[in-house]
Structure formats: C-alpha cells, structure tokens
Amino acid sequence: MEIGSRVDDAIKAAGGATANVDFEKLNLAYELSDGEKVYIPSIFDEETEYTIGSDVKNTKVNINKATASELETINGVGPALAEKIIAYRNENGRFSSVEDLKNVSGIGEKKFESIKDEVVVK
C-alpha cells in the first residue's frame, strides 16, 4: 500500500469485500499507517466497537486520526471532550506529541495524567 492509502484501498487490493462485511462498523476512509492491522468486521460478529491498528482491546488511540467514538473509548473522555479534541485538531492541525492534548480546553494536568498512557500520536 502507498502512503495515504485508506481502508477502502486495502480492501480493493485484497480482492474486494465479501458479502458478510459489516460496513456500518467500518470506516472506509480511515488512513492507514505503516505496519497497521485492519480488522474487517463481519455481520455475524457480536462486538460493537473495533479499534484499527490491532485486535487487542486495550490498544492506544491515535489522537490524530481517531473518530469521536474512538476517543470516547479512552477512560474519562466523554462525547463533549472527544468533540473538543477533534475541534482542536481541525483548527490547529495534527498533534505533534501526546503532551499537545494539554492545549485542548478541558484537559488539565490531572486529566492528561489519567489519559496519557491510552493515547498515541502517529
């Protein structure tokens, strides 16, 4: 895959999706990173949320690419704070370090200390 490829590109490169893919749970526009694993959910799966990057449940959340629902998987991050993180990212560009989260309204030192181990910048 080339730099900038999306999940949709990876599916096409693999020969296309089967009839059992649950597209409601799949972000086809997600931009892939080197070495990343992508789980393609099935309509028969019982899970309701999936993390791109690993099949391990406690994977760190990439704050430069995460959707609001992915950000909400971080302990202590609810819908309002997830939207603030996305708004900050949209207004200021990509986070260059995890510490940049401290610049988001609503994330002070205490909140940052509680979430810093659950996030990553890629």
C-alpha atoms as a PDB file:
ATOM      1  CA  MET A   1       0.000   0.000   0.000  1.00  0.00           C
ATOM      2  CA  GLU A   2       1.178   3.523  -0.718  1.00  0.00           C
ATOM      3  CA  ILE A   3       1.386   6.339   1.827  1.00  0.00           C
ATOM      4  CA  GLY A   4      -2.057   7.892   2.197  1.00  0.00           C
ATOM      5  CA  SER A   5      -3.908   4.669   1.392  1.00  0.00           C
ATOM      6  CA  ARG A   6      -7.278   4.143   3.030  1.00  0.00           C
ATOM      7  CA  VAL A   7      -9.076   1.070   4.354  1.00  0.00           C
ATOM      8  CA  ASP A   8     -11.125   1.069   1.147  1.00  0.00           C
ATOM      9  CA  ASP A   9      -7.900   0.859  -0.899  1.00  0.00           C
ATOM     10  CA  ALA A  10      -6.680  -2.087   1.195  1.00  0.00           C
ATOM     11  CA  ILE A  11      -9.948  -3.964   0.706  1.00  0.00           C
ATOM     12  CA  LYS A  12      -9.772  -3.429  -3.048  1.00  0.00           C
ATOM     13  CA  ALA A  13      -6.109  -4.528  -3.117  1.00  0.00           C
ATOM     14  CA  ALA A  14      -7.090  -7.711  -1.273  1.00  0.00           C
ATOM     15  CA  GLY A  15      -9.654  -8.567  -3.938  1.00  0.00           C
ATOM     16  CA  GLY A  16     -12.725  -6.841  -2.551  1.00  0.00           C
ATOM     17  CA  ALA A  17     -15.126  -7.366   0.313  1.00  0.00           C
ATOM     18  CA  THR A  18     -17.246 -10.433   0.911  1.00  0.00           C
ATOM     19  CA  ALA A  19     -20.998 -10.280   1.389  1.00  0.00           C
ATOM     20  CA  ASN A  20     -20.500 -10.688   5.151  1.00  0.00           C
ATOM     21  CA  VAL A  21     -18.652  -7.412   5.770  1.00  0.00           C
ATOM     22  CA  ASP A  22     -20.465  -5.130   8.214  1.00  0.00           C
ATOM     23  CA  PHE A  23     -19.891  -1.739   6.595  1.00  0.00           C
ATOM     24  CA  GLU A  24     -21.785   0.015   9.412  1.00  0.00           C
ATOM     25  CA  LYS A  25     -18.852  -0.762  11.727  1.00  0.00           C
ATOM     26  CA  LEU A  26     -16.100   0.026   9.225  1.00  0.00           C
ATOM     27  CA  ASN A  27     -14.537   3.393   8.418  1.00  0.00           C
ATOM     28  CA  LEU A  28     -13.515   3.022   4.777  1.00  0.00           C
ATOM     29  CA  ALA A  29     -11.909   6.479   4.777  1.00  0.00           C
ATOM     30  CA  TYR A  30      -9.515   5.697   7.653  1.00  0.00           C
ATOM     31  CA  GLU A  31      -5.940   6.474   6.556  1.00  0.00           C
ATOM     32  CA  LEU A  32      -3.580   3.558   7.105  1.00  0.00           C
ATOM     33  CA  SER A  33      -0.181   3.718   8.808  1.00  0.00           C
ATOM     34  CA  ASP A  34       2.835   1.503   8.208  1.00  0.00           C
ATOM     35  CA  GLY A  35       2.551  -1.864   9.947  1.00  0.00           C
ATOM     36  CA  GLU A  36      -1.057  -1.350  10.935  1.00  0.00           C
ATOM     37  CA  LYS A  37      -3.526  -4.222  11.114  1.00  0.00           C
ATOM     38  CA  VAL A  38      -7.099  -3.674  10.000  1.00  0.00           C
ATOM     39  CA  TYR A  39      -9.915  -5.811  11.317  1.00  0.00           C
ATOM     40  CA  ILE A  40     -12.816  -6.110   8.886  1.00  0.00           C
ATOM     41  CA  PRO A  41     -15.968  -6.765  10.934  1.00  0.00           C
ATOM     42  CA  SER A  42     -18.493  -9.363   9.904  1.00  0.00           C
ATOM     43  CA  ILE A  43     -22.268  -9.062  10.149  1.00  0.00           C
ATOM     44  CA  PHE A  44     -22.034 -12.142  12.387  1.00  0.00           C
ATOM     45  CA  ASP A  45     -19.696 -10.523  14.958  1.00  0.00           C
ATOM     46  CA  GLU A  46     -21.074  -9.754  18.378  1.00  0.00           C
ATOM     47  CA  GLU A  47     -18.634  -6.906  19.111  1.00  0.00           C
ATOM     48  CA  THR A  48     -19.967  -3.401  18.503  1.00  0.00           C
ATOM     49  CA  GLU A  49     -16.723  -1.373  18.503  1.00  0.00           C
ATOM     50  CA  TYR A  50     -13.436  -2.099  16.775  1.00  0.00           C
ATOM     51  CA  THR A  51     -10.033  -0.497  17.059  1.00  0.00           C
ATOM     52  CA  ILE A  52      -7.940  -0.079  13.960  1.00  0.00           C
ATOM     53  CA  GLY A  53      -4.331  -0.957  14.491  1.00  0.00           C
ATOM     54  CA  SER A  54      -4.664  -4.128  16.498  1.00  0.00           C
ATOM     55  CA  ASP A  55      -7.042  -6.808  17.570  1.00  0.00           C
ATOM     56  CA  VAL A  56      -6.029  -6.217  21.190  1.00  0.00           C
ATOM     57  CA  LYS A  57      -8.766  -4.439  23.127  1.00  0.00           C
ATOM     58  CA  ASN A  58      -6.512  -2.058  25.073  1.00  0.00           C
ATOM     59  CA  THR A  59      -4.774  -0.540  22.077  1.00  0.00           C
ATOM     60  CA  LYS A  60      -3.705   3.085  22.360  1.00  0.00           C
ATOM     61  CA  VAL A  61      -5.890   5.555  20.491  1.00  0.00           C
ATOM     62  CA  ASN A  62      -4.199   7.623  17.774  1.00  0.00           C
ATOM     63  CA  ILE A  63      -5.388  11.136  18.599  1.00  0.00           C
ATOM     64  CA  ASN A  64      -4.523  12.362  15.097  1.00  0.00           C
ATOM     65  CA  LYS A  65      -6.955  10.010  13.373  1.00  0.00           C
ATOM     66  CA  ALA A  66      -9.491   8.875  15.955  1.00  0.00           C
ATOM     67  CA  THR A  67     -13.182   9.488  15.485  1.00  0.00           C
ATOM     68  CA  ALA A  68     -15.306  10.806  18.354  1.00  0.00           C
ATOM     69  CA  SER A  69     -16.457   7.285  19.224  1.00  0.00           C
ATOM     70  CA  GLU A  70     -12.854   6.024  19.225  1.00  0.00           C
ATOM     71  CA  LEU A  71     -11.795   8.895  21.502  1.00  0.00           C
ATOM     72  CA  GLU A  72     -14.641   8.035  23.854  1.00  0.00           C
ATOM     73  CA  THR A  73     -13.026   4.631  24.473  1.00  0.00           C
ATOM     74  CA  ILE A  74     -10.355   6.482  26.479  1.00  0.00           C
ATOM     75  CA  ASN A  75     -11.174   6.376  30.196  1.00  0.00           C
ATOM     76  CA  GLY A  76     -12.505   9.770  31.252  1.00  0.00           C
ATOM     77  CA  VAL A  77     -13.233  11.047  27.733  1.00  0.00           C
ATOM     78  CA  GLY A  78     -16.907  11.567  27.030  1.00  0.00           C
ATOM     79  CA  PRO A  79     -18.692  12.974  23.975  1.00  0.00           C
ATOM     80  CA  ALA A  80     -18.046  16.639  24.834  1.00  0.00           C
ATOM     81  CA  LEU A  81     -14.306  16.188  25.380  1.00  0.00           C
ATOM     82  CA  ALA A  82     -13.984  13.978  22.310  1.00  0.00           C
ATOM     83  CA  GLU A  83     -15.529  16.773  20.229  1.00  0.00           C
ATOM     84  CA  LYS A  84     -13.136  19.318  21.785  1.00  0.00           C
ATOM     85  CA  ILE A  85     -10.165  17.133  20.834  1.00  0.00           C
ATOM     86  CA  ILE A  86     -11.428  16.847  17.250  1.00  0.00           C
ATOM     87  CA  ALA A  87     -12.182  20.580  17.070  1.00  0.00           C
ATOM     88  CA  TYR A  88      -8.678  21.394  18.324  1.00  0.00           C
ATOM     89  CA  ARG A  89      -7.174  19.013  15.746  1.00  0.00           C
ATOM     90  CA  ASN A  90      -9.269  20.571  12.949  1.00  0.00           C
ATOM     91  CA  GLU A  91      -8.308  24.113  13.939  1.00  0.00           C
ATOM     92  CA  ASN A  92      -4.617  23.544  14.732  1.00  0.00           C
ATOM     93  CA  GLY A  93      -3.609  20.557  12.625  1.00  0.00           C
ATOM     94  CA  ARG A  94      -2.152  17.257  13.747  1.00  0.00           C
ATOM     95  CA  PHE A  95      -0.914  16.766  17.288  1.00  0.00           C
ATOM     96  CA  SER A  96       2.881  16.610  17.270  1.00  0.00           C
ATOM     97  CA  SER A  97       3.057  14.956  20.701  1.00  0.00           C
ATOM     98  CA  VAL A  98       0.744  13.458  23.297  1.00  0.00           C
ATOM     99  CA  GLU A  99       1.534  16.448  25.518  1.00  0.00           C
ATOM    100  CA  ASP A 100      -0.269  18.695  22.998  1.00  0.00           C
ATOM    101  CA  LEU A 101      -3.511  17.379  24.494  1.00  0.00           C
ATOM    102  CA  LYS A 102      -2.900  19.805  27.366  1.00  0.00           C
ATOM    103  CA  ASN A 103      -3.733  22.599  24.898  1.00  0.00           C
ATOM    104  CA  VAL A 104      -7.284  21.265  24.482  1.00  0.00           C
ATOM    105  CA  SER A 105      -9.862  23.078  26.595  1.00  0.00           C
ATOM    106  CA  GLY A 106     -10.939  20.750  29.384  1.00  0.00           C
ATOM    107  CA  ILE A 107      -7.675  18.795  29.596  1.00  0.00           C
ATOM    108  CA  GLY A 108      -5.640  19.968  32.528  1.00  0.00           C
ATOM    109  CA  GLU A 109      -2.624  18.298  34.113  1.00  0.00           C
ATOM    110  CA  LYS A 110      -4.742  15.868  36.156  1.00  0.00           C
ATOM    111  CA  LYS A 111      -6.880  14.763  33.184  1.00  0.00           C
ATOM    112  CA  PHE A 112      -3.773  14.494  30.994  1.00  0.00           C
ATOM    113  CA  GLU A 113      -2.032  12.256  33.546  1.00  0.00           C
ATOM    114  CA  SER A 114      -5.068   9.966  33.619  1.00  0.00           C
ATOM    115  CA  ILE A 115      -5.276   9.530  29.815  1.00  0.00           C
ATOM    116  CA  LYS A 116      -1.696   9.904  28.545  1.00  0.00           C
ATOM    117  CA  ASP A 117      -0.982   6.154  28.626  1.00  0.00           C
ATOM    118  CA  GLU A 118      -4.051   5.400  26.495  1.00  0.00           C
ATOM    119  CA  VAL A 119      -3.144   7.649  23.551  1.00  0.00           C
ATOM    120  CA  VAL A 120      -0.518   7.820  20.860  1.00  0.00           C
ATOM    121  CA  VAL A 121       0.485  10.263  18.111  1.00  0.00           C
ATOM    122  CA  LYS A 122       1.183   8.755  14.686  1.00  0.00           C
END
